[in-house]
Amino acid sequence: MNPAYSVVVFTTIAGAAQGLVVTLALAMLAGMPLSAGFVGAVLLLAFVMLLIGLGSSFLHLGRPERAWRAALMWRTSWLSREVIVLPAFIAVVAAWWLALQRGDMAAAVTAVLPVAALVVAAALWYCTAMIYACLRFIEEWAHGYTLVNFVLIGLSSGLVLASALAAGFGETALLHATAPSAFVVTLVALLTRTLALRRNAALRHRSTLQSATGIRTPQLVQKSMGMSAGAFNTREFFHGRSDGTLRQVKALGIGLGFIAPALLSLWAALSGGTWPWPVAVALQIVGLLADRWFFFAQARHPQNLYYQRVS
């Protein structure tokens, strides 16, 4: 597939915002002492990140003014369900932040809104992942690791970001909880992402040139793209990058998206230093953008049996 940079940014930034809000909600439900100023700052940052993700997703639309129509097929479309759940999650985060500004709503903040944030964040992860996992004809996506990785990558980036914010604001109680969690969750995310990559690399696709044409000879080779010039099919369903570029992007995603933040979080947890956290956040953002780009680029649409690179 040809990765849309708007969707790459959306899924990465929104996933990190979900992980950040989930981390904050769990901390508050556990009774962790957190200053109101810190909670408000975290919620405001998550709100801005979600708006950036939402705005980025609009760039993928040919007619953004008709975006509301995407919600009409909610009975059958996971994309339509995501279009509904994402604004709902933004609304919960906004309501939580507004409630903090009013002292008479403290009970609602500590009891209701964190639980609502957890439920809606989980629903949003599920809807986003199922957009891809439900496409059985794209075998690189149609498996359980897709959902698992969307959740774990979001939690990992959210925990690393929460740790950086806790270190900056001096919230030591939260930092002592999130630092080891960030290390463990990032390692688990690395494991499941690696398993998904190994599975996809070993795939034997059901659709081949032989099955598409009915010609069973193993020497069958495609000599043209099926048309004399580029078209929508050649632009949208194939990235056009070399195998070497794909290997470099994959290595960048694994190295910066998982290994580097895991090592930096371990270093910070053992040394008590604060500087590794912002470095981990910066490196992980770059790495996860690369990994999400590779997630889309690795997917092979069956139509590329007719519109692929000249062999």
Protein backbone atom coordinates (compact mmCIF):
# COMPACT_ATOMS: atom_id res chain seq x y z
CA MET A 1 0.00 0.00 0.00
CA ASN A 2 1.02 3.63 -0.41
CA PRO A 3 1.07 5.09 3.12
CA ALA A 4 -0.90 8.31 3.55
CA TYR A 5 1.20 10.56 5.77
CA SER A 6 -1.93 12.12 7.25
CA VAL A 7 -3.08 8.71 8.51
CA VAL A 8 0.42 7.86 9.73
CA VAL A 9 0.46 11.03 11.83
CA PHE A 10 -3.10 10.55 13.02
CA THR A 11 -2.69 6.98 14.26
CA THR A 12 0.66 7.76 15.94
CA ILE A 13 -0.34 11.00 17.69
CA ALA A 14 -3.84 9.86 18.65
CA GLY A 15 -2.52 6.55 19.97
CA ALA A 16 0.01 8.34 22.19
CA ALA A 17 -2.72 10.68 23.47
CA GLN A 18 -4.90 7.69 24.33
CA GLY A 19 -2.01 6.06 26.20
CA LEU A 20 -1.35 9.30 28.09
CA VAL A 21 -4.99 9.67 29.17
CA VAL A 22 -5.22 5.99 30.13
CA THR A 23 -2.09 6.33 32.27
CA LEU A 24 -3.53 9.39 34.03
CA ALA A 25 -6.91 7.71 34.55
CA LEU A 26 -5.36 4.60 36.08
CA ALA A 27 -3.18 6.72 38.36
CA MET A 28 -6.17 8.69 39.63
CA LEU A 29 -8.32 5.59 40.12
CA ALA A 30 -5.46 4.07 42.12
CA GLY A 31 -5.60 7.06 44.45
CA MET A 32 -2.18 8.39 43.48
CA PRO A 33 -1.59 11.93 44.80
CA LEU A 34 -1.39 14.26 41.81
CA SER A 35 -1.55 18.03 41.75
CA ALA A 36 -4.51 19.58 39.98
CA GLY A 37 -2.17 21.68 37.87
CA PHE A 38 -0.36 18.59 36.60
CA VAL A 39 -3.57 16.73 35.79
CA GLY A 40 -4.92 19.75 33.95
CA ALA A 41 -1.70 20.15 31.95
CA VAL A 42 -1.71 16.48 30.95
CA LEU A 43 -5.33 16.61 29.85
CA LEU A 44 -4.75 19.80 27.89
CA LEU A 45 -1.77 18.27 26.11
CA ALA A 46 -3.76 15.13 25.28
CA PHE A 47 -6.61 17.29 23.99
CA VAL A 48 -4.26 19.21 21.70
CA MET A 49 -2.66 15.98 20.45
CA LEU A 50 -6.07 14.54 19.64
CA LEU A 51 -7.05 17.68 17.77
CA ILE A 52 -3.79 17.50 15.78
CA GLY A 53 -4.55 13.88 14.94
CA LEU A 54 -8.13 14.73 13.97
CA GLY A 55 -6.96 17.62 11.80
CA SER A 56 -4.36 15.40 10.15
CA SER A 57 -7.00 12.80 9.30
CA PHE A 58 -8.98 15.46 7.43
CA LEU A 59 -6.04 15.92 5.06
CA HIS A 60 -6.67 12.40 3.78
CA LEU A 61 -10.12 13.35 2.50
CA GLY A 62 -10.77 14.51 -1.03
CA ARG A 63 -13.76 16.59 0.15
CA PRO A 64 -13.17 17.50 3.83
CA GLU A 65 -16.45 19.41 4.01
CA ARG A 66 -18.24 16.09 3.60
CA ALA A 67 -16.39 14.40 6.46
CA TRP A 68 -19.60 14.07 8.49
CA ARG A 69 -20.88 11.54 5.98
CA ALA A 70 -18.19 9.10 7.12
CA ALA A 71 -20.30 8.40 10.22
CA LEU A 72 -23.39 7.31 8.31
CA MET A 73 -22.30 3.69 7.82
CA TRP A 74 -21.68 2.98 11.52
CA ARG A 75 -23.70 -0.26 11.39
CA THR A 76 -21.22 -1.99 9.10
CA SER A 77 -18.06 0.15 8.88
CA TRP A 78 -15.29 0.27 11.47
CA LEU A 79 -14.13 3.54 9.95
CA SER A 80 -17.55 5.07 10.61
CA ARG A 81 -17.43 3.81 14.18
CA GLU A 82 -14.00 5.37 14.64
CA VAL A 83 -15.36 8.66 13.28
CA ILE A 84 -17.98 8.57 16.05
CA VAL A 85 -15.78 7.32 18.91
CA LEU A 86 -12.88 9.74 18.31
CA PRO A 87 -14.94 12.92 18.91
CA ALA A 88 -16.53 11.16 21.90
CA PHE A 89 -13.07 10.57 23.38
CA ILE A 90 -12.08 14.19 22.72
CA ALA A 91 -15.30 15.27 24.45
CA VAL A 92 -14.52 13.12 27.52
CA VAL A 93 -11.02 14.59 27.78
CA ALA A 94 -12.41 18.12 27.40
CA ALA A 95 -15.11 17.47 30.00
CA TRP A 96 -12.51 16.09 32.41
CA TRP A 97 -10.35 19.20 31.97
CA LEU A 98 -13.32 21.54 32.39
CA ALA A 99 -14.44 19.68 35.52
CA LEU A 100 -11.01 20.24 37.06
CA GLN A 101 -11.47 23.96 36.69
CA ARG A 102 -14.51 23.75 38.99
CA GLY A 103 -13.84 22.69 42.53
CA ASP A 104 -17.44 21.64 43.13
CA MET A 105 -17.09 18.85 40.54
CA ALA A 106 -14.17 17.06 42.20
CA ALA A 107 -16.21 13.92 42.89
CA ALA A 108 -17.21 13.56 39.25
CA VAL A 109 -13.60 14.01 38.19
CA THR A 110 -12.22 11.31 40.45
CA ALA A 111 -15.02 8.77 40.03
CA VAL A 112 -16.78 9.07 36.68
CA LEU A 113 -14.64 10.75 34.06
CA PRO A 114 -11.47 8.60 34.45
CA VAL A 115 -13.58 5.46 34.02
CA ALA A 116 -15.30 6.97 30.99
CA ALA A 117 -11.89 7.86 29.54
CA LEU A 118 -10.68 4.26 29.94
CA VAL A 119 -13.78 2.81 28.27
CA VAL A 120 -13.81 5.22 25.32
CA ALA A 121 -10.04 4.95 24.79
CA ALA A 122 -10.34 1.17 24.60
CA ALA A 123 -13.24 1.49 22.14
CA LEU A 124 -11.22 3.89 19.99
CA TRP A 125 -8.21 1.56 19.87
CA TYR A 126 -10.49 -1.31 18.89
CA CYS A 127 -12.25 0.64 16.15
CA THR A 128 -9.00 1.97 14.68
CA ALA A 129 -7.31 -1.44 14.66
CA MET A 130 -10.34 -3.20 13.19
CA ILE A 131 -10.36 -0.85 10.20
CA TYR A 132 -7.29 -2.78 9.07
CA ALA A 133 -7.69 -6.17 10.77
CA CYS A 134 -11.11 -6.74 9.15
CA LEU A 135 -9.65 -6.57 5.61
CA ARG A 136 -9.15 -10.28 5.01
CA PHE A 137 -7.74 -9.76 1.52
CA ILE A 138 -4.79 -7.82 2.98
CA GLU A 139 -3.12 -10.64 4.85
CA GLU A 140 -0.46 -8.46 6.50
CA TRP A 141 -3.23 -6.80 8.55
CA ALA A 142 -5.81 -9.54 9.02
CA HIS A 143 -4.52 -11.08 12.24
CA GLY A 144 -4.70 -10.56 16.01
CA TYR A 145 -1.36 -8.78 16.28
CA THR A 146 -2.87 -5.73 14.56
CA LEU A 147 -5.18 -4.98 17.49
CA VAL A 148 -2.58 -5.96 20.09
CA ASN A 149 0.04 -3.68 18.56
CA PHE A 150 -2.26 -0.68 18.26
CA VAL A 151 -3.02 -0.95 21.99
CA LEU A 152 0.51 -1.72 23.19
CA ILE A 153 2.20 0.92 21.02
CA GLY A 154 -0.30 3.51 22.25
CA LEU A 155 0.27 2.50 25.87
CA SER A 156 4.04 2.49 25.42
CA SER A 157 4.17 5.98 23.91
CA GLY A 158 1.66 7.24 26.46
CA LEU A 159 3.66 5.88 29.40
CA VAL A 160 6.94 7.32 28.10
CA LEU A 161 5.28 10.70 27.61
CA ALA A 162 3.62 10.54 31.03
CA SER A 163 6.99 9.74 32.62
CA ALA A 164 8.61 12.71 30.89
CA LEU A 165 5.83 15.01 32.10
CA ALA A 166 5.97 13.60 35.63
CA ALA A 167 9.73 14.14 35.73
CA GLY A 168 9.33 17.71 34.48
CA PHE A 169 6.56 18.58 36.96
CA GLY A 170 8.21 16.82 39.89
CA GLU A 171 5.41 14.26 40.30
CA THR A 172 7.66 11.63 41.87
CA ALA A 173 4.87 9.25 42.90
CA LEU A 174 3.62 8.97 39.35
CA LEU A 175 7.15 8.74 37.95
CA HIS A 176 8.02 5.83 40.24
CA ALA A 177 5.00 3.97 38.85
CA THR A 178 5.27 4.88 35.16
CA ALA A 179 9.04 4.47 34.72
CA PRO A 180 9.14 0.67 35.18
CA SER A 181 5.79 0.34 33.42
CA ALA A 182 7.12 2.22 30.39
CA PHE A 183 10.11 -0.13 30.22
CA VAL A 184 8.02 -3.32 30.51
CA VAL A 185 5.21 -2.25 28.17
CA THR A 186 7.67 -1.03 25.53
CA LEU A 187 9.50 -4.37 25.64
CA VAL A 188 6.21 -6.27 25.30
CA ALA A 189 5.22 -3.99 22.41
CA LEU A 190 8.60 -4.71 20.79
CA LEU A 191 7.99 -8.45 21.17
CA THR A 192 4.51 -8.41 19.63
CA ARG A 193 5.57 -6.06 16.83
CA THR A 194 8.52 -8.33 16.04
CA LEU A 195 6.24 -11.36 15.96
CA ALA A 196 3.91 -9.54 13.56
CA LEU A 197 6.81 -8.57 11.30
CA ARG A 198 8.13 -12.15 11.26
CA ARG A 199 4.67 -13.49 10.47
CA ASN A 200 4.25 -11.08 7.57
CA ALA A 201 7.72 -11.76 6.20
CA ALA A 202 6.92 -15.49 6.03
CA LEU A 203 3.50 -15.07 4.40
CA ARG A 204 2.65 -17.19 1.39
CA HIS A 205 -0.10 -15.17 -0.26
CA ARG A 206 -3.20 -16.98 -1.44
CA SER A 207 -3.41 -14.73 -4.51
CA THR A 208 -0.55 -15.09 -7.00
CA LEU A 209 0.04 -14.39 -10.66
CA GLN A 210 -0.71 -18.04 -11.28
CA SER A 211 -4.05 -18.01 -9.46
CA ALA A 212 -5.03 -14.69 -11.02
CA THR A 213 -4.35 -15.78 -14.60
CA GLY A 214 -4.98 -19.51 -14.37
CA ILE A 215 -1.51 -20.19 -15.79
CA ARG A 216 0.20 -22.65 -13.46
CA THR A 217 3.76 -22.48 -14.73
CA PRO A 218 6.20 -21.34 -11.98
CA GLN A 219 8.14 -19.31 -14.56
CA LEU A 220 5.26 -16.83 -15.03
CA VAL A 221 6.62 -13.27 -14.91
CA GLN A 222 4.79 -9.95 -15.22
CA LYS A 223 6.35 -7.61 -17.78
CA SER A 224 4.12 -4.54 -17.51
CA MET A 225 1.78 -2.79 -15.07
CA GLY A 226 -1.33 -3.50 -17.11
CA MET A 227 -1.49 0.03 -18.48
CA SER A 228 0.79 2.43 -20.32
CA ALA A 229 0.68 5.27 -17.79
CA GLY A 230 0.16 5.88 -14.09
CA ALA A 231 -3.33 6.01 -12.61
CA PHE A 232 -5.11 5.87 -9.25
CA ASN A 233 -4.33 2.16 -8.93
CA THR A 234 -0.61 2.64 -9.41
CA ARG A 235 -0.44 5.62 -7.01
CA GLU A 236 -2.63 4.53 -4.09
CA PHE A 237 -1.93 0.82 -3.74
CA PHE A 238 1.83 0.68 -4.11
CA HIS A 239 4.47 2.82 -2.41
CA GLY A 240 7.10 2.58 -5.15
CA ARG A 241 10.03 2.37 -2.70
CA SER A 242 12.90 -0.09 -3.07
CA ASP A 243 13.37 -3.12 -0.84
CA GLY A 244 16.45 -1.43 0.64
CA THR A 245 14.39 1.59 1.68
CA LEU A 246 11.82 -0.68 3.32
CA ARG A 247 14.53 -2.44 5.33
CA GLN A 248 15.95 0.90 6.49
CA VAL A 249 12.53 2.22 7.55
CA LYS A 250 11.78 -1.02 9.41
CA ALA A 251 15.09 -0.86 11.27
CA LEU A 252 14.48 2.81 12.10
CA GLY A 253 11.04 1.99 13.48
CA ILE A 254 12.27 -0.87 15.66
CA GLY A 255 15.39 0.95 16.85
CA LEU A 256 13.90 4.34 17.69
CA GLY A 257 10.30 3.33 18.34
CA PHE A 258 10.99 0.52 20.80
CA ILE A 259 14.63 -0.27 21.66
CA ALA A 260 15.83 3.29 22.33
CA PRO A 261 12.90 4.36 24.57
CA ALA A 262 13.08 1.05 26.46
CA LEU A 263 16.79 1.51 27.19
CA LEU A 264 16.36 5.18 28.09
CA SER A 265 13.45 4.44 30.41
CA LEU A 266 15.50 1.73 32.13
CA TRP A 267 18.43 4.13 32.46
CA ALA A 268 16.19 6.83 33.91
CA ALA A 269 14.55 4.40 36.34
CA LEU A 270 17.88 3.09 37.62
CA SER A 271 19.77 6.40 37.73
CA GLY A 272 16.93 8.66 38.83
CA GLY A 273 17.82 11.13 36.10
CA THR A 274 15.23 13.20 34.27
CA TRP A 275 17.01 14.05 31.00
CA PRO A 276 16.53 10.60 29.39
CA TRP A 277 12.76 11.06 29.34
CA PRO A 278 12.44 13.94 26.84
CA VAL A 279 15.07 12.24 24.68
CA ALA A 280 13.05 9.02 24.80
CA VAL A 281 9.88 10.90 23.79
CA ALA A 282 11.60 12.59 20.84
CA LEU A 283 13.21 9.39 19.55
CA GLN A 284 10.06 7.34 20.01
CA ILE A 285 7.93 9.78 18.04
CA VAL A 286 10.30 9.50 15.07
CA GLY A 287 10.52 5.74 15.42
CA LEU A 288 6.78 5.16 15.69
CA LEU A 289 6.10 7.36 12.66
CA ALA A 290 8.55 5.18 10.72
CA ASP A 291 7.03 1.97 12.08
CA ARG A 292 3.49 3.08 11.25
CA TRP A 293 4.63 4.04 7.72
CA PHE A 294 6.09 0.55 7.33
CA PHE A 295 2.85 -0.97 8.66
CA PHE A 296 1.02 0.49 5.67
CA ALA A 297 3.81 0.01 3.12
CA GLN A 298 4.25 -3.69 3.93
CA ALA A 299 0.62 -4.47 3.12
CA ARG A 300 0.19 -5.98 -0.35
CA HIS A 301 -3.11 -5.24 -2.04
CA PRO A 302 -4.18 -8.06 -4.42
CA GLN A 303 -4.76 -5.53 -7.20
CA ASN A 304 -0.98 -5.15 -7.43
CA LEU A 305 -0.96 -8.47 -9.27
CA TYR A 306 -2.00 -6.29 -12.23
CA TYR A 307 -0.58 -2.88 -11.27
CA GLN A 308 2.81 -3.46 -9.72
CA ARG A 309 6.39 -2.58 -10.52
CA VAL A 310 7.73 -3.74 -13.85
CA SER A 311 9.69 -6.91 -13.09
